[in-house]
Amino acid sequence: MASMAARTTTRTGARVGVGRTGERLGDGRSRARAPVRWTAARASMETSDWNAGCDVGRAVTAARGKTTRRGDRARAESSASPVARATGSDVLANWKGAKLKPLGYSVLAGLLIYLIPTPAGVTVKAWNLLAVFVATIVGIITNPLPLGAVAMIGLGVSMTAGILPFSAAFSAFSSEIPWLIALAFFLARGFIKTGLGNRIAYQIVSLFGKSTLGLTYSLVFSEALLAPAIPSLAARAGGIFLPLAKALCVACGSDPANGTEKKMGAYVMTTMFQTSTISSGMFITAMAANPLSVNLAASITGITISWAQWAIGALVPGLVCLILTPLILYVLYPPEVKESPEAPAKAKEELAALGPMSLDEKIMAGALTLTVGLWVFGSKFGIGSVAAALCGLTILLVSGVITWKECLAEGPAWDTLVWFAALIAMAGYLNTFGLIPAFSAGVVNVVSGLGLAWQPAFVIITLVYFYSHYMFASGAAHIGAMYSAFLSVLIACGAPPLVSALVLGILSNVMGCTTHYGIGSAPPFFGAGYVPLATWWKIGFGMSIVYITCFLGIGFPWWKILGYW
């Protein structure tokens, strides 16, 4: 018994980790303790206690095993649906496609137009195209995908639905303006790459660089001075002043690629675009479609507006707008850097550091001079704006100043080409299918039936004509579709013919301020990436109120003094 107790004690001690002279600790060390006197009775008691403990342990283990198995089954059953939900969440979290909420807005806008019964006098095809056009515009505004992708989807829907054939959907890709804008981006790359842009920008900063406002005014009035000499607004804005403005902003540390667009560039680009719509309306030769207004006015009123009549009539309200616009935007959309008194001195230091012009700069300057010269005088030799830009690009490619690979990498150029051409095509066929003429006739009938005096009728007609430009991607298309009808109703209401023709002609340019696609200068300045789309539209609408107020409120007294009415 004693030997069995000793063996049991040894087993017990081994099981509980207790030795005769020490207690085993959790880290493997022994803690000294007083020797224990073991007896047979104590050994027997501990043996029975151990057996009882083993029985309890086995019972507890069994119970735990059952509980564990039941818990595992419960967890397996209850986790089935959460796993599925987690998988769905993972799909949304890892979604790489379009932004779904903006895409939903775009689709919903198109469906709402589509579900409205087709109005009398409008064909089903025209109404369906309007639904696709509105959905595309909403998609371009909400931006579920890049602008070019949204436009291509719009064209795809219009072709799949049988609204437009391929030849119609892609007809505007043979239009001059989208290609001219793309070519302007390529020229701008060479302008900046060679350092010529920086050299000119530093020169401007050295003269006017004490404030951002001063720099902006120097650009605004430089563009206005060139406006009557270059009839292509897209060429003037995209080929000359976009590269210059971008080089100036980058030289001053404002670059969207670095997240510093608000430092100066957002204000400069917005102001340059807004004022370009004013300068293009101040001269017959400042925008290619202005002569169309003159011809249509002559056929309706018998009055041929001369270059001087147009320029003098637009002079005072136009100058007021050119002066006010930078100031208003300076308050509403201010640059982060407003004053830089040390900038002129630093600019002179940078100019000195640049040293003499490099060969690439000289080639770039020569190519740009040739291009601008052909834009001004090329019409006398039968050379159009696109041909002139291609002459300049050819020099740059052949000389290696820029490479075709760099042109292919100019993403904004190709994106702008795609979405702008797509919108021109859809807007053009809205007119071809009869929607725009039906809209014009409806407005004319309503206003004529009101029996208003010519003054309130003039305001209503002008506002409708102006804000209907949201449906157009071209000033020329708008003039061709609506100018004659609206001018006719103004004259029928008793408005002065010369003033009516002049106001509609000028505002056919200014109304381009509202969107990023409504006039030739919008795509290049917007495509520079300095201003968010929603901000662009908000500023455009706000400034449109200022411009209409100036041209009507200041214009009428001025035209009275001139004897226009």
Protein backbone atom coordinates (compact mmCIF):
# COMPACT_ATOMS: atom_id res chain seq x y z
CA MET A 1 0.00 0.00 0.00
CA ALA A 2 2.78 2.38 0.95
CA SER A 3 4.60 1.66 -2.31
CA MET A 4 1.36 2.09 -4.28
CA ALA A 5 0.72 5.36 -2.46
CA ALA A 6 4.22 6.48 -3.28
CA ARG A 7 3.70 5.58 -6.92
CA THR A 8 0.34 7.32 -6.87
CA THR A 9 1.86 10.31 -5.22
CA THR A 10 4.53 10.40 -7.85
CA ARG A 11 1.89 10.20 -10.58
CA THR A 12 -0.19 12.84 -8.83
CA GLY A 13 2.80 15.10 -8.39
CA ALA A 14 3.70 14.65 -12.00
CA ARG A 15 0.17 15.46 -13.10
CA VAL A 16 -0.21 18.61 -11.05
CA GLY A 17 3.36 19.75 -11.61
CA VAL A 18 4.36 19.70 -7.93
CA GLY A 19 7.68 18.27 -6.72
CA ARG A 20 8.66 17.31 -3.26
CA THR A 21 10.90 20.32 -2.80
CA GLY A 22 9.44 22.92 -5.12
CA GLU A 23 6.42 24.13 -7.08
CA ARG A 24 6.61 24.45 -10.84
CA LEU A 25 5.77 27.89 -12.13
CA GLY A 26 4.31 28.86 -15.45
CA ASP A 27 7.71 29.95 -16.86
CA GLY A 28 9.42 26.62 -15.98
CA ARG A 29 11.19 27.84 -12.82
CA SER A 30 10.74 26.23 -9.36
CA ARG A 31 9.74 28.09 -6.24
CA ALA A 32 11.18 26.66 -2.99
CA ARG A 33 8.70 25.44 -0.38
CA ALA A 34 8.81 23.46 2.82
CA PRO A 35 9.04 19.65 2.48
CA VAL A 36 5.68 17.85 2.73
CA ARG A 37 5.28 14.69 4.85
CA TRP A 38 3.34 12.16 2.77
CA THR A 39 1.33 9.39 4.49
CA ALA A 40 -0.63 6.46 3.19
CA ALA A 41 -3.90 8.03 4.29
CA ARG A 42 -3.10 11.28 2.59
CA ALA A 43 -1.98 9.45 -0.52
CA SER A 44 -5.23 7.44 -0.53
CA MET A 45 -7.26 10.63 -0.09
CA GLU A 46 -5.46 12.41 -2.88
CA THR A 47 -5.83 9.37 -5.12
CA SER A 48 -9.58 9.35 -4.62
CA ASP A 49 -9.67 13.12 -5.06
CA TRP A 50 -7.71 12.75 -8.28
CA ASN A 51 -10.06 10.05 -9.59
CA ALA A 52 -13.06 12.19 -8.68
CA GLY A 53 -11.42 15.18 -10.35
CA CYS A 54 -10.78 13.11 -13.45
CA ASP A 55 -14.45 12.07 -13.53
CA VAL A 56 -15.58 15.68 -13.18
CA GLY A 57 -13.03 16.74 -15.80
CA ARG A 58 -14.28 14.12 -18.20
CA ALA A 59 -17.87 15.23 -17.62
CA VAL A 60 -17.00 18.87 -18.13
CA THR A 61 -14.97 18.02 -21.23
CA ALA A 62 -17.87 16.02 -22.64
CA ALA A 63 -20.30 18.83 -21.89
CA ARG A 64 -17.94 21.34 -23.47
CA GLY A 65 -17.56 19.09 -26.51
CA LYS A 66 -21.33 18.93 -26.97
CA THR A 67 -21.61 22.67 -26.48
CA THR A 68 -18.77 23.27 -28.93
CA ARG A 69 -20.38 21.03 -31.53
CA ARG A 70 -23.75 22.72 -31.07
CA GLY A 71 -22.02 26.15 -31.23
CA ASP A 72 -20.13 25.18 -34.37
CA ARG A 73 -23.36 24.06 -36.03
CA ALA A 74 -25.14 27.25 -34.90
CA ARG A 75 -22.31 29.43 -36.10
CA ALA A 76 -22.18 27.59 -39.41
CA GLU A 77 -25.93 28.05 -39.87
CA SER A 78 -26.03 31.67 -38.75
CA SER A 79 -22.96 32.69 -40.74
CA ALA A 80 -24.26 31.54 -44.11
CA SER A 81 -26.19 34.73 -44.95
CA PRO A 82 -23.57 37.15 -43.49
CA VAL A 83 -20.98 35.51 -45.69
CA ALA A 84 -23.13 36.21 -48.70
CA ARG A 85 -23.72 39.78 -47.56
CA ALA A 86 -20.00 40.27 -46.97
CA THR A 87 -19.31 38.99 -50.45
CA GLY A 88 -21.74 41.54 -51.91
CA SER A 89 -20.14 44.30 -49.90
CA ASP A 90 -16.73 43.23 -51.10
CA VAL A 91 -17.93 43.43 -54.68
CA LEU A 92 -19.13 47.00 -54.17
CA ALA A 93 -16.03 47.93 -52.22
CA ASN A 94 -13.78 46.61 -54.98
CA TRP A 95 -15.95 47.94 -57.84
CA LYS A 96 -13.74 49.38 -60.56
CA GLY A 97 -16.39 50.50 -63.00
CA ALA A 98 -18.60 53.58 -63.26
CA LYS A 99 -19.69 55.50 -60.19
CA LEU A 100 -23.12 53.95 -59.72
CA LYS A 101 -25.05 56.84 -58.18
CA PRO A 102 -24.07 59.39 -60.89
CA LEU A 103 -24.73 56.73 -63.52
CA GLY A 104 -28.19 56.23 -62.03
CA TYR A 105 -28.90 59.97 -62.27
CA SER A 106 -27.92 59.94 -65.93
CA VAL A 107 -30.10 56.96 -66.79
CA LEU A 108 -33.02 58.34 -64.78
CA ALA A 109 -32.87 61.70 -66.57
CA GLY A 110 -33.00 59.99 -69.95
CA LEU A 111 -35.84 57.70 -68.91
CA LEU A 112 -37.93 60.61 -67.63
CA ILE A 113 -37.67 62.37 -70.99
CA TYR A 114 -38.35 59.13 -72.85
CA LEU A 115 -41.50 58.36 -70.80
CA ILE A 116 -43.03 61.79 -71.37
CA PRO A 117 -45.46 61.62 -74.32
CA THR A 118 -43.99 63.10 -77.48
CA PRO A 119 -45.29 66.67 -77.87
CA ALA A 120 -47.34 67.62 -80.90
CA GLY A 121 -45.21 68.72 -83.83
CA VAL A 122 -42.17 66.71 -82.67
CA THR A 123 -41.21 63.38 -84.21
CA VAL A 124 -40.65 60.31 -82.06
CA LYS A 125 -37.08 60.03 -83.31
CA ALA A 126 -36.33 63.63 -82.31
CA TRP A 127 -37.83 63.08 -78.85
CA ASN A 128 -35.88 59.86 -78.31
CA LEU A 129 -32.68 61.60 -79.36
CA LEU A 130 -33.45 64.36 -76.85
CA ALA A 131 -33.70 61.69 -74.12
CA VAL A 132 -30.27 60.32 -75.06
CA PHE A 133 -28.82 63.83 -75.32
CA VAL A 134 -30.14 64.83 -71.87
CA ALA A 135 -28.87 61.58 -70.34
CA THR A 136 -25.45 62.23 -71.87
CA ILE A 137 -25.35 65.81 -70.60
CA VAL A 138 -26.33 64.69 -67.08
CA GLY A 139 -23.65 62.00 -67.28
CA ILE A 140 -21.07 64.58 -68.33
CA ILE A 141 -22.12 66.78 -65.39
CA THR A 142 -22.20 64.02 -62.73
CA ASN A 143 -19.15 62.27 -64.21
CA PRO A 144 -19.77 58.53 -63.57
CA LEU A 145 -17.00 57.93 -66.13
CA PRO A 146 -14.55 60.17 -67.98
CA LEU A 147 -16.28 62.61 -70.32
CA GLY A 148 -15.19 60.84 -73.48
CA ALA A 149 -16.49 57.51 -72.19
CA VAL A 150 -19.88 59.04 -71.33
CA ALA A 151 -20.13 60.58 -74.80
CA MET A 152 -19.23 57.29 -76.50
CA ILE A 153 -21.90 55.48 -74.48
CA GLY A 154 -24.40 58.13 -75.57
CA LEU A 155 -23.49 57.56 -79.21
CA GLY A 156 -23.70 53.80 -78.68
CA VAL A 157 -27.21 54.06 -77.22
CA SER A 158 -28.38 56.32 -80.03
CA MET A 159 -27.07 53.86 -82.64
CA THR A 160 -28.35 50.73 -80.86
CA ALA A 161 -31.81 52.27 -80.50
CA GLY A 162 -31.87 53.02 -84.21
CA ILE A 163 -32.00 56.79 -83.68
CA LEU A 164 -28.76 57.64 -85.47
CA PRO A 165 -26.87 55.61 -88.05
CA PHE A 166 -23.10 55.41 -87.81
CA SER A 167 -22.58 58.13 -90.40
CA ALA A 168 -24.73 60.55 -88.39
CA ALA A 169 -23.41 59.61 -84.94
CA PHE A 170 -19.80 60.16 -85.99
CA SER A 171 -20.44 62.97 -88.45
CA ALA A 172 -18.94 65.66 -86.21
CA PHE A 173 -15.59 63.87 -86.09
CA SER A 174 -15.01 65.47 -89.48
CA SER A 175 -15.83 68.91 -88.06
CA GLU A 176 -12.96 71.40 -87.81
CA ILE A 177 -13.49 72.65 -84.26
CA PRO A 178 -12.91 69.39 -82.29
CA TRP A 179 -9.73 68.70 -84.25
CA LEU A 180 -8.56 72.28 -83.90
CA ILE A 181 -8.93 72.00 -80.13
CA ALA A 182 -6.99 68.72 -80.07
CA LEU A 183 -4.21 70.25 -82.19
CA ALA A 184 -4.09 73.21 -79.80
CA PHE A 185 -3.31 70.78 -76.97
CA PHE A 186 -0.41 69.34 -78.98
CA LEU A 187 0.98 72.81 -79.66
CA ALA A 188 0.60 73.65 -75.98
CA ARG A 189 2.70 70.61 -75.05
CA GLY A 190 5.55 71.87 -77.22
CA PHE A 191 5.12 75.38 -75.85
CA ILE A 192 5.64 74.14 -72.30
CA LYS A 193 8.14 71.34 -73.02
CA THR A 194 10.63 73.59 -74.78
CA GLY A 195 10.58 76.18 -71.99
CA LEU A 196 9.30 78.91 -74.30
CA GLY A 197 6.14 79.11 -72.26
CA ASN A 198 8.11 79.64 -69.07
CA ARG A 199 10.25 82.30 -70.72
CA ILE A 200 7.20 84.29 -71.87
CA ALA A 201 5.43 83.70 -68.57
CA TYR A 202 8.38 85.02 -66.58
CA GLN A 203 8.49 88.05 -68.84
CA ILE A 204 4.82 88.77 -68.14
CA VAL A 205 5.31 88.20 -64.41
CA SER A 206 8.25 90.59 -64.40
CA LEU A 207 5.97 93.30 -65.81
CA PHE A 208 2.61 92.61 -64.12
CA GLY A 209 3.35 89.98 -61.49
CA LYS A 210 2.88 91.94 -58.28
CA SER A 211 -0.65 90.56 -58.05
CA THR A 212 -2.68 87.70 -59.55
CA LEU A 213 -5.31 90.21 -60.58
CA GLY A 214 -2.76 92.24 -62.54
CA LEU A 215 -1.50 89.14 -64.34
CA THR A 216 -5.04 88.14 -65.23
CA TYR A 217 -5.94 91.56 -66.62
CA SER A 218 -2.84 91.50 -68.80
CA LEU A 219 -3.97 88.18 -70.32
CA VAL A 220 -7.61 89.27 -70.68
CA PHE A 221 -6.84 92.43 -72.65
CA SER A 222 -4.13 90.75 -74.71
CA GLU A 223 -6.72 88.22 -75.86
CA ALA A 224 -9.27 90.97 -76.56
CA LEU A 225 -6.74 92.86 -78.70
CA LEU A 226 -6.07 89.77 -80.82
CA ALA A 227 -9.77 88.87 -81.10
CA PRO A 228 -10.61 90.90 -84.25
CA ALA A 229 -7.56 89.52 -86.08
CA ILE A 230 -8.14 85.79 -85.41
CA PRO A 231 -11.66 84.69 -86.39
CA SER A 232 -11.33 81.24 -84.80
CA LEU A 233 -12.06 81.43 -81.10
CA ALA A 234 -10.90 77.84 -80.62
CA ALA A 235 -7.57 78.69 -82.25
CA ARG A 236 -7.17 81.92 -80.31
CA ALA A 237 -8.04 80.40 -76.96
CA GLY A 238 -6.59 76.92 -77.34
CA GLY A 239 -3.60 77.67 -79.54
CA ILE A 240 -2.32 80.89 -78.01
CA PHE A 241 -3.74 81.78 -74.62
CA LEU A 242 -4.26 78.35 -73.09
CA PRO A 243 -0.55 77.46 -73.46
CA LEU A 244 0.44 80.88 -72.20
CA ALA A 245 -1.94 80.84 -69.24
CA LYS A 246 -0.97 77.28 -68.30
CA ALA A 247 2.74 78.06 -68.49
CA LEU A 248 2.17 81.13 -66.34
CA CYS A 249 0.26 79.15 -63.73
CA VAL A 250 2.80 76.33 -63.63
CA ALA A 251 5.65 78.85 -63.33
CA CYS A 252 3.87 80.33 -60.31
CA GLY A 253 3.47 76.91 -58.68
CA SER A 254 -0.17 76.22 -59.60
CA ASP A 255 -0.58 72.83 -61.25
CA PRO A 256 -3.54 70.40 -60.94
CA ALA A 257 -1.10 67.50 -61.16
CA ASN A 258 0.28 68.63 -57.79
CA GLY A 259 -3.06 69.53 -56.22
CA THR A 260 -2.25 73.26 -56.30
CA GLU A 261 -4.82 74.29 -58.91
CA LYS A 262 -6.57 76.74 -56.56
CA LYS A 263 -3.38 78.58 -55.81
CA MET A 264 -3.83 80.65 -58.96
CA GLY A 265 -4.71 78.55 -62.01
CA ALA A 266 -8.40 77.90 -61.28
CA TYR A 267 -9.10 81.63 -61.11
CA VAL A 268 -7.00 82.46 -64.19
CA MET A 269 -8.51 79.70 -66.37
CA THR A 270 -12.07 80.54 -65.37
CA THR A 271 -11.56 84.25 -65.99
CA MET A 272 -9.83 83.74 -69.31
CA PHE A 273 -12.64 81.53 -70.55
CA GLN A 274 -15.41 83.83 -69.40
CA THR A 275 -13.86 86.92 -70.97
CA SER A 276 -13.15 85.06 -74.22
CA THR A 277 -16.92 84.78 -74.75
CA ILE A 278 -17.16 88.58 -74.38
CA SER A 279 -14.31 89.44 -76.73
CA SER A 280 -15.63 87.06 -79.38
CA GLY A 281 -18.93 88.94 -79.33
CA MET A 282 -17.36 92.38 -79.67
CA PHE A 283 -16.25 92.05 -83.31
CA ILE A 284 -17.72 90.44 -86.42
CA THR A 285 -14.35 88.88 -87.16
CA ALA A 286 -13.75 87.55 -83.64
CA MET A 287 -15.84 84.40 -84.13
CA ALA A 288 -16.41 82.41 -87.29
CA ALA A 289 -20.22 82.31 -86.95
CA ASN A 290 -20.69 86.09 -86.51
CA PRO A 291 -20.84 86.73 -90.28
CA LEU A 292 -23.72 84.22 -90.40
CA SER A 293 -25.66 86.44 -87.99
CA VAL A 294 -24.96 89.44 -90.22
CA ASN A 295 -26.19 87.61 -93.32
CA LEU A 296 -29.36 86.33 -91.63
CA ALA A 297 -30.11 89.79 -90.25
CA ALA A 298 -29.71 91.33 -93.70
CA SER A 299 -32.12 88.83 -95.23
CA ILE A 300 -34.78 89.55 -92.58
CA THR A 301 -34.39 93.29 -91.90
CA GLY A 302 -32.71 94.50 -95.07
CA ILE A 303 -30.00 96.07 -92.86
CA THR A 304 -26.40 94.96 -93.32
CA ILE A 305 -24.47 95.50 -90.09
CA SER A 306 -21.01 96.87 -90.86
CA TRP A 307 -17.84 95.87 -88.99
CA ALA A 308 -17.68 99.33 -87.41
CA GLN A 309 -21.36 99.32 -86.36
CA TRP A 310 -20.94 95.99 -84.60
CA ALA A 311 -17.63 96.94 -82.93
CA ILE A 312 -18.76 100.40 -81.76
CA GLY A 313 -22.12 99.07 -80.59
CA ALA A 314 -20.45 96.35 -78.51
CA LEU A 315 -17.62 98.57 -77.27
CA VAL A 316 -19.05 100.08 -74.07
CA PRO A 317 -21.02 97.11 -72.66
CA GLY A 318 -18.22 94.77 -73.76
CA LEU A 319 -15.51 96.79 -72.02
CA VAL A 320 -17.61 96.96 -68.86
CA CYS A 321 -17.91 93.16 -68.88
CA LEU A 322 -14.18 92.71 -69.51
CA ILE A 323 -13.38 94.95 -66.55
CA LEU A 324 -16.00 93.54 -64.18
CA THR A 325 -15.49 89.82 -64.82
CA PRO A 326 -12.01 89.47 -63.26
CA LEU A 327 -13.14 91.53 -60.26
CA ILE A 328 -16.34 89.54 -59.71
CA LEU A 329 -14.56 86.21 -60.00
CA TYR A 330 -11.81 87.52 -57.72
CA VAL A 331 -14.52 87.68 -55.04
CA LEU A 332 -16.62 84.63 -55.95
CA TYR A 333 -13.77 82.27 -56.89
CA PRO A 334 -10.64 83.85 -55.44
CA PRO A 335 -7.09 82.59 -55.95
CA GLU A 336 -5.23 81.45 -52.86
CA VAL A 337 -2.25 83.64 -53.79
CA LYS A 338 -3.38 87.23 -54.37
CA GLU A 339 -0.33 89.38 -53.78
CA SER A 340 3.28 88.58 -54.64
CA PRO A 341 5.34 91.79 -54.51
CA GLU A 342 8.56 89.81 -54.79
CA ALA A 343 7.40 87.97 -57.93
CA PRO A 344 8.74 90.46 -60.54
CA ALA A 345 12.25 90.33 -59.09
CA LYS A 346 12.18 86.53 -58.89
CA ALA A 347 10.87 86.33 -62.45
CA LYS A 348 13.83 88.42 -63.67
CA GLU A 349 16.18 86.09 -61.83
CA GLU A 350 14.56 83.09 -63.49
CA LEU A 351 14.84 84.76 -66.88
CA ALA A 352 18.54 85.34 -66.31
CA ALA A 353 18.96 81.72 -65.24
CA LEU A 354 17.28 80.50 -68.43
CA GLY A 355 19.98 82.16 -70.52
CA PRO A 356 19.66 82.52 -74.29
CA MET A 357 16.91 80.73 -76.20
CA SER A 358 17.62 77.09 -77.03
CA LEU A 359 17.24 75.68 -80.53
CA ASP A 360 14.00 73.96 -79.55
CA GLU A 361 12.60 77.23 -78.24
CA LYS A 362 13.47 78.97 -81.49
CA ILE A 363 11.80 76.24 -83.52
CA MET A 364 8.74 76.41 -81.29
CA ALA A 365 8.59 80.19 -81.63
CA GLY A 366 8.87 79.92 -85.41
CA ALA A 367 6.15 77.26 -85.63
CA LEU A 368 3.82 79.28 -83.41
CA THR A 369 4.46 82.47 -85.38
CA LEU A 370 3.67 80.69 -88.64
CA THR A 371 0.50 79.17 -87.17
CA VAL A 372 -0.81 82.47 -85.80
CA GLY A 373 0.09 84.24 -89.05
CA LEU A 374 -1.91 81.69 -91.04
CA TRP A 375 -4.82 82.02 -88.62
CA VAL A 376 -4.86 85.75 -89.30
CA PHE A 377 -4.09 85.86 -93.05
CA GLY A 378 -4.56 82.26 -94.20
CA SER A 379 -8.09 82.81 -95.49
CA LYS A 380 -6.64 84.99 -98.27
CA PHE A 381 -4.70 81.96 -99.48
CA GLY A 382 -7.44 79.38 -98.87
CA ILE A 383 -5.75 77.97 -95.75
CA GLY A 384 -8.15 77.11 -92.94
CA SER A 385 -7.58 77.07 -89.18
CA VAL A 386 -6.94 73.32 -88.97
CA ALA A 387 -4.51 73.41 -91.89
CA ALA A 388 -2.64 76.26 -90.19
CA ALA A 389 -2.38 74.29 -86.92
CA LEU A 390 -1.19 71.22 -88.82
CA CYS A 391 1.56 73.30 -90.46
CA GLY A 392 2.84 74.27 -87.02
CA LEU A 393 2.53 70.70 -85.70
CA THR A 394 4.38 69.35 -88.74
CA ILE A 395 7.38 71.58 -87.98
CA LEU A 396 7.44 70.40 -84.37
CA LEU A 397 7.18 66.70 -85.29
CA VAL A 398 9.76 66.79 -88.08
CA SER A 399 12.24 68.72 -85.93
CA GLY A 400 11.71 66.39 -82.97
CA VAL A 401 10.62 69.18 -80.65
CA ILE A 402 7.70 66.94 -79.76
CA THR A 403 7.11 63.31 -80.72
CA TRP A 404 4.00 61.54 -81.88
CA LYS A 405 4.19 59.36 -78.78
CA GLU A 406 3.85 62.53 -76.70
CA CYS A 407 0.84 63.55 -78.78
CA LEU A 408 -0.76 60.14 -78.18
CA ALA A 409 -0.11 60.54 -74.45
CA GLU A 410 -1.95 63.88 -74.40
CA GLY A 411 -5.08 62.36 -72.85
CA PRO A 412 -7.13 65.55 -72.43
CA ALA A 413 -6.77 66.31 -76.16
CA TRP A 414 -8.26 62.99 -77.26
CA ASP A 415 -10.89 63.01 -74.52
CA THR A 416 -12.01 66.51 -75.55
CA LEU A 417 -12.06 65.53 -79.21
CA VAL A 418 -14.38 62.59 -78.46
CA TRP A 419 -16.92 64.20 -76.14
CA PHE A 420 -17.09 67.49 -78.00
CA ALA A 421 -17.62 65.82 -81.39
CA ALA A 422 -20.26 63.53 -79.90
CA LEU A 423 -22.23 66.45 -78.46
CA ILE A 424 -21.96 68.42 -81.71
CA ALA A 425 -23.39 65.45 -83.61
CA MET A 426 -26.32 64.85 -81.25
CA ALA A 427 -27.16 68.56 -80.97
CA GLY A 428 -26.95 68.95 -84.73
CA TYR A 429 -29.41 66.13 -85.35
CA LEU A 430 -31.84 67.55 -82.80
CA ASN A 431 -32.11 70.41 -85.26
CA THR A 432 -32.16 68.12 -88.32
CA PHE A 433 -34.97 66.00 -86.84
CA GLY A 434 -37.06 69.12 -86.25
CA LEU A 435 -36.96 69.47 -82.46
CA ILE A 436 -35.25 72.89 -82.41
CA PRO A 437 -37.48 74.42 -85.12
CA ALA A 438 -40.56 73.12 -83.27
CA PHE A 439 -39.26 74.63 -80.03
CA SER A 440 -38.58 77.97 -81.73
CA ALA A 441 -42.02 78.04 -83.34
CA GLY A 442 -43.65 77.28 -80.00
CA VAL A 443 -41.84 80.13 -78.26
CA VAL A 444 -42.69 82.53 -81.07
CA ASN A 445 -46.37 81.59 -80.94
CA VAL A 446 -46.57 81.97 -77.17
CA VAL A 447 -44.81 85.34 -77.03
CA SER A 448 -46.73 86.68 -80.02
CA GLY A 449 -50.01 85.65 -78.44
CA LEU A 450 -49.29 87.50 -75.19
CA GLY A 451 -49.79 90.88 -76.83
CA LEU A 452 -46.89 92.42 -74.90
CA ALA A 453 -45.16 95.69 -75.65
CA TRP A 454 -41.86 95.23 -77.41
CA GLN A 455 -39.74 95.94 -74.30
CA PRO A 456 -40.97 92.99 -72.14
CA ALA A 457 -41.23 90.82 -75.24
CA PHE A 458 -37.59 91.68 -75.99
CA VAL A 459 -36.50 90.53 -72.53
CA ILE A 460 -38.43 87.26 -72.75
CA ILE A 461 -37.18 86.42 -76.24
CA THR A 462 -33.61 87.28 -75.31
CA LEU A 463 -33.66 85.09 -72.19
CA VAL A 464 -35.17 82.12 -74.00
CA TYR A 465 -32.68 82.49 -76.86
CA PHE A 466 -29.76 82.77 -74.43
CA TYR A 467 -30.55 79.86 -72.11
CA SER A 468 -31.66 77.49 -74.86
CA HIS A 469 -27.95 77.29 -75.63
CA TYR A 470 -27.68 74.47 -73.06
CA MET A 471 -28.98 72.28 -75.90
CA PHE A 472 -26.22 73.33 -78.30
CA ALA A 473 -22.54 72.50 -78.59
CA SER A 474 -21.89 75.12 -81.24
CA GLY A 475 -22.65 78.80 -81.63
CA ALA A 476 -22.99 78.38 -85.37
CA ALA A 477 -25.59 75.62 -84.92
CA HIS A 478 -27.57 77.79 -82.51
CA ILE A 479 -27.51 80.77 -84.87
CA GLY A 480 -28.53 78.64 -87.84
CA ALA A 481 -31.40 77.03 -85.94
CA MET A 482 -32.93 79.91 -83.98
CA TYR A 483 -31.55 83.33 -84.95
CA SER A 484 -33.94 84.01 -87.84
CA ALA A 485 -37.10 82.92 -86.00
CA PHE A 486 -36.32 84.91 -82.86
CA LEU A 487 -35.25 88.01 -84.77
CA SER A 488 -38.47 87.86 -86.78
CA VAL A 489 -40.68 87.74 -83.69
CA LEU A 490 -38.77 90.64 -82.08
CA ILE A 491 -39.38 92.79 -85.15
CA ALA A 492 -43.03 91.69 -85.24
CA CYS A 493 -43.39 92.84 -81.63
CA GLY A 494 -42.10 96.30 -82.62
CA ALA A 495 -38.49 96.06 -81.41
CA PRO A 496 -35.84 98.17 -83.24
CA PRO A 497 -34.47 95.99 -86.08
CA LEU A 498 -30.80 97.02 -85.86
CA VAL A 499 -30.66 96.68 -82.08
CA SER A 500 -32.51 93.34 -82.18
CA ALA A 501 -30.11 91.93 -84.77
CA LEU A 502 -27.06 93.23 -82.90
CA VAL A 503 -28.15 91.93 -79.48
CA LEU A 504 -28.91 88.44 -80.74
CA GLY A 505 -25.63 88.42 -82.67
CA ILE A 506 -23.53 89.47 -79.66
CA LEU A 507 -25.32 87.16 -77.24
CA SER A 508 -24.82 84.26 -79.65
CA ASN A 509 -21.22 84.41 -78.41
CA VAL A 510 -21.76 85.36 -74.78
CA MET A 511 -24.22 82.52 -74.15
CA GLY A 512 -21.29 80.11 -74.52
CA CYS A 513 -20.24 81.10 -70.99
CA THR A 514 -22.77 78.73 -69.43
CA THR A 515 -21.23 75.32 -70.17
CA HIS A 516 -17.96 73.56 -70.93
CA TYR A 517 -19.08 72.66 -74.45
CA GLY A 518 -21.10 75.66 -75.68
CA ILE A 519 -18.35 77.60 -77.49
CA GLY A 520 -14.95 76.91 -79.01
CA SER A 521 -12.92 78.28 -76.09
CA ALA A 522 -14.68 76.15 -73.46
CA PRO A 523 -13.19 72.68 -74.12
CA PRO A 524 -9.51 73.75 -74.07
CA PHE A 525 -9.76 75.86 -70.92
CA PHE A 526 -11.91 73.29 -69.12
CA GLY A 527 -9.70 70.46 -70.37
CA ALA A 528 -6.69 71.99 -68.59
CA GLY A 529 -8.10 70.39 -65.43
CA TYR A 530 -8.06 73.37 -63.09
CA VAL A 531 -11.80 73.74 -62.44
CA PRO A 532 -14.35 71.07 -61.38
CA LEU A 533 -17.28 70.66 -63.75
CA ALA A 534 -19.98 71.61 -61.22
CA THR A 535 -18.09 74.80 -60.35
CA TRP A 536 -17.68 75.60 -64.04
CA TRP A 537 -21.44 75.42 -64.60
CA LYS A 538 -22.33 77.39 -61.46
CA ILE A 539 -19.96 80.20 -62.37
CA GLY A 540 -21.22 80.16 -65.95
CA PHE A 541 -24.83 80.62 -64.91
CA GLY A 542 -23.99 83.33 -62.39
CA MET A 543 -21.88 85.30 -64.85
CA SER A 544 -24.55 84.97 -67.55
CA ILE A 545 -26.85 87.10 -65.39
CA VAL A 546 -24.14 89.75 -65.14
CA TYR A 547 -23.56 89.77 -68.90
CA ILE A 548 -27.25 89.99 -69.84
CA THR A 549 -27.70 92.83 -67.35
CA CYS A 550 -24.73 94.72 -68.78
CA PHE A 551 -25.61 94.32 -72.46
CA LEU A 552 -29.26 95.23 -71.97
CA GLY A 553 -28.94 97.72 -69.12
CA ILE A 554 -25.89 99.57 -70.47
CA GLY A 555 -26.34 98.66 -74.12
CA PHE A 556 -29.72 100.29 -74.72
CA PRO A 557 -28.71 103.76 -73.49
CA TRP A 558 -25.44 103.45 -75.47
CA TRP A 559 -27.26 102.43 -78.63
CA LYS A 560 -29.69 105.29 -78.14
CA ILE A 561 -26.74 107.69 -78.07
CA LEU A 562 -25.38 106.08 -81.24
CA GLY A 563 -28.74 106.45 -82.94
CA TYR A 564 -29.28 102.71 -83.41
CA TRP A 565 -32.89 103.14 -82.26
